[in-house]
Amino acid sequence: MPFKQGRSGNPKGRPKKGETMTDLLREKIEIPKTSREKLTRKEKIIEKLILLAEGGDLSALKYLFDRLDGRPKESIDLTSGALDAKLNEILSQGVKE
């Protein structure tokens, strides 16, 4: 069902600060350590992530590399003609009804 013209698709707007899942998670994870605790929750999670990566967990390794070095840039070779071939393939299929 399309939106009615002149009406917002999101009338309430963006959630207020502190209402999103990310805000709530960040609030809980950044609780300062008590005098009895050696590490904060955030530090405990980072330690666990490092242990998983050291143990060979590929997801943990990928996450750490993405955070430390940034994701590698992907390049698209426009000289090979692959893009033209794919475009021609799509256009030759025509519009399905």
C-alpha atoms as a PDB file:
ATOM      1  CA  MET A   1       0.000   0.000   0.000  1.00  0.00           C
ATOM      2  CA  PRO A   2       1.664   3.255  -1.037  1.00  0.00           C
ATOM      3  CA  PHE A   3       1.911   6.249   1.251  1.00  0.00           C
ATOM      4  CA  LYS A   4      -0.700   8.938   0.880  1.00  0.00           C
ATOM      5  CA  GLN A   5       0.596  12.064  -0.782  1.00  0.00           C
ATOM      6  CA  GLY A   6       1.525  14.807   1.664  1.00  0.00           C
ATOM      7  CA  ARG A   7       1.760  12.466   4.662  1.00  0.00           C
ATOM      8  CA  SER A   8       4.967  11.291   6.289  1.00  0.00           C
ATOM      9  CA  GLY A   9       5.723   7.588   6.272  1.00  0.00           C
ATOM     10  CA  ASN A  10       7.207   8.055   9.746  1.00  0.00           C
ATOM     11  CA  PRO A  11       4.916  10.517  11.566  1.00  0.00           C
ATOM     12  CA  LYS A  12       6.541  10.035  14.990  1.00  0.00           C
ATOM     13  CA  GLY A  13      10.001  10.758  13.567  1.00  0.00           C
ATOM     14  CA  ARG A  14      13.288   9.414  14.823  1.00  0.00           C
ATOM     15  CA  PRO A  15      13.257   7.910  18.344  1.00  0.00           C
ATOM     16  CA  LYS A  16      14.439  10.204  21.116  1.00  0.00           C
ATOM     17  CA  LYS A  17      17.971   9.766  22.434  1.00  0.00           C
ATOM     18  CA  GLY A  18      18.110   6.820  24.803  1.00  0.00           C
ATOM     19  CA  GLU A  19      15.195   4.935  23.264  1.00  0.00           C
ATOM     20  CA  THR A  20      16.997   2.980  20.548  1.00  0.00           C
ATOM     21  CA  MET A  21      18.390  -0.505  21.119  1.00  0.00           C
ATOM     22  CA  THR A  22      21.895   0.844  20.493  1.00  0.00           C
ATOM     23  CA  ASP A  23      21.460   3.561  23.106  1.00  0.00           C
ATOM     24  CA  LEU A  24      20.169   1.083  25.684  1.00  0.00           C
ATOM     25  CA  LEU A  25      22.974  -1.374  24.963  1.00  0.00           C
ATOM     26  CA  ARG A  26      25.598   1.366  25.146  1.00  0.00           C
ATOM     27  CA  GLU A  27      24.151   2.556  28.473  1.00  0.00           C
ATOM     28  CA  LYS A  28      24.312  -0.942  29.992  1.00  0.00           C
ATOM     29  CA  ILE A  29      27.752  -1.751  28.633  1.00  0.00           C
ATOM     30  CA  GLU A  30      29.353   1.472  29.859  1.00  0.00           C
ATOM     31  CA  ILE A  31      28.399   1.017  33.499  1.00  0.00           C
ATOM     32  CA  PRO A  32      31.492   1.930  35.513  1.00  0.00           C
ATOM     33  CA  LYS A  33      33.127  -0.814  37.495  1.00  0.00           C
ATOM     34  CA  THR A  34      32.487  -1.098  41.195  1.00  0.00           C
ATOM     35  CA  SER A  35      35.285  -1.246  43.694  1.00  0.00           C
ATOM     36  CA  ARG A  36      35.003  -5.080  43.681  1.00  0.00           C
ATOM     37  CA  GLU A  37      35.321  -5.471  39.913  1.00  0.00           C
ATOM     38  CA  LYS A  38      38.627  -5.479  38.090  1.00  0.00           C
ATOM     39  CA  LEU A  39      37.169  -4.751  34.635  1.00  0.00           C
ATOM     40  CA  THR A  40      34.166  -2.872  33.280  1.00  0.00           C
ATOM     41  CA  ARG A  41      31.610  -4.752  31.182  1.00  0.00           C
ATOM     42  CA  LYS A  42      33.053  -3.223  28.038  1.00  0.00           C
ATOM     43  CA  GLU A  43      36.554  -4.384  28.988  1.00  0.00           C
ATOM     44  CA  LYS A  44      35.246  -7.888  29.753  1.00  0.00           C
ATOM     45  CA  ILE A  45      33.593  -8.083  26.323  1.00  0.00           C
ATOM     46  CA  ILE A  46      36.757  -6.909  24.597  1.00  0.00           C
ATOM     47  CA  GLU A  47      38.817  -9.493  26.506  1.00  0.00           C
ATOM     48  CA  LYS A  48      36.374 -12.229  25.444  1.00  0.00           C
ATOM     49  CA  LEU A  49      36.500 -11.043  21.816  1.00  0.00           C
ATOM     50  CA  ILE A  50      40.297 -11.193  21.850  1.00  0.00           C
ATOM     51  CA  LEU A  51      40.241 -14.681  23.406  1.00  0.00           C
ATOM     52  CA  LEU A  52      37.816 -15.873  20.708  1.00  0.00           C
ATOM     53  CA  ALA A  53      40.046 -14.427  17.979  1.00  0.00           C
ATOM     54  CA  GLU A  54      43.131 -16.053  19.502  1.00  0.00           C
ATOM     55  CA  GLY A  55      41.227 -19.338  19.547  1.00  0.00           C
ATOM     56  CA  GLY A  56      40.628 -19.103  15.806  1.00  0.00           C
ATOM     57  CA  ASP A  57      37.075 -17.763  15.719  1.00  0.00           C
ATOM     58  CA  LEU A  58      36.935 -16.243  12.237  1.00  0.00           C
ATOM     59  CA  SER A  59      33.994 -13.968  13.043  1.00  0.00           C
ATOM     60  CA  ALA A  60      35.890 -12.480  15.981  1.00  0.00           C
ATOM     61  CA  LEU A  61      39.016 -12.058  13.857  1.00  0.00           C
ATOM     62  CA  LYS A  62      37.066 -10.347  11.075  1.00  0.00           C
ATOM     63  CA  TYR A  63      35.362  -8.037  13.564  1.00  0.00           C
ATOM     64  CA  LEU A  64      38.671  -7.044  15.140  1.00  0.00           C
ATOM     65  CA  PHE A  65      40.359  -6.404  11.793  1.00  0.00           C
ATOM     66  CA  ASP A  66      37.376  -4.375  10.576  1.00  0.00           C
ATOM     67  CA  ARG A  67      37.517  -2.247  13.726  1.00  0.00           C
ATOM     68  CA  LEU A  68      41.293  -1.844  13.867  1.00  0.00           C
ATOM     69  CA  ASP A  69      42.240  -1.403  10.219  1.00  0.00           C
ATOM     70  CA  GLY A  70      38.885  -0.526   8.706  1.00  0.00           C
ATOM     71  CA  ARG A  71      37.231  -2.569   6.013  1.00  0.00           C
ATOM     72  CA  PRO A  72      39.304  -3.013   2.887  1.00  0.00           C
ATOM     73  CA  LYS A  73      38.147  -0.943  -0.064  1.00  0.00           C
ATOM     74  CA  GLU A  74      36.579  -2.862  -2.902  1.00  0.00           C
ATOM     75  CA  SER A  75      37.314  -1.910  -6.455  1.00  0.00           C
ATOM     76  CA  ILE A  76      35.261  -2.509  -9.550  1.00  0.00           C
ATOM     77  CA  ASP A  77      37.063  -3.158 -12.810  1.00  0.00           C
ATOM     78  CA  LEU A  78      35.101  -1.260 -15.417  1.00  0.00           C
ATOM     79  CA  THR A  79      37.550  -2.043 -18.215  1.00  0.00           C
ATOM     80  CA  SER A  80      36.936  -5.787 -18.335  1.00  0.00           C
ATOM     81  CA  GLY A  81      33.466  -5.503 -19.862  1.00  0.00           C
ATOM     82  CA  ALA A  82      31.897  -7.534 -17.038  1.00  0.00           C
ATOM     83  CA  LEU A  83      29.578  -4.673 -16.190  1.00  0.00           C
ATOM     84  CA  ASP A  84      28.445  -4.367 -19.822  1.00  0.00           C
ATOM     85  CA  ALA A  85      27.861  -8.128 -20.016  1.00  0.00           C
ATOM     86  CA  LYS A  86      25.716  -8.125 -16.868  1.00  0.00           C
ATOM     87  CA  LEU A  87      23.765  -5.104 -18.052  1.00  0.00           C
ATOM     88  CA  ASN A  88      23.125  -6.744 -21.435  1.00  0.00           C
ATOM     89  CA  GLU A  89      21.992  -9.927 -19.670  1.00  0.00           C
ATOM     90  CA  ILE A  90      19.482  -7.990 -17.568  1.00  0.00           C
ATOM     91  CA  LEU A  91      18.189  -6.015 -20.537  1.00  0.00           C
ATOM     92  CA  SER A  92      17.815  -9.117 -22.716  1.00  0.00           C
ATOM     93  CA  GLN A  93      15.546 -10.758 -20.122  1.00  0.00           C
ATOM     94  CA  GLY A  94      12.981  -8.019 -20.600  1.00  0.00           C
ATOM     95  CA  VAL A  95      10.306  -7.003 -18.190  1.00  0.00           C
ATOM     96  CA  LYS A  96       8.391  -9.886 -16.603  1.00  0.00           C
ATOM     97  CA  GLU A  97       4.725  -9.341 -15.925  1.00  0.00           C
END
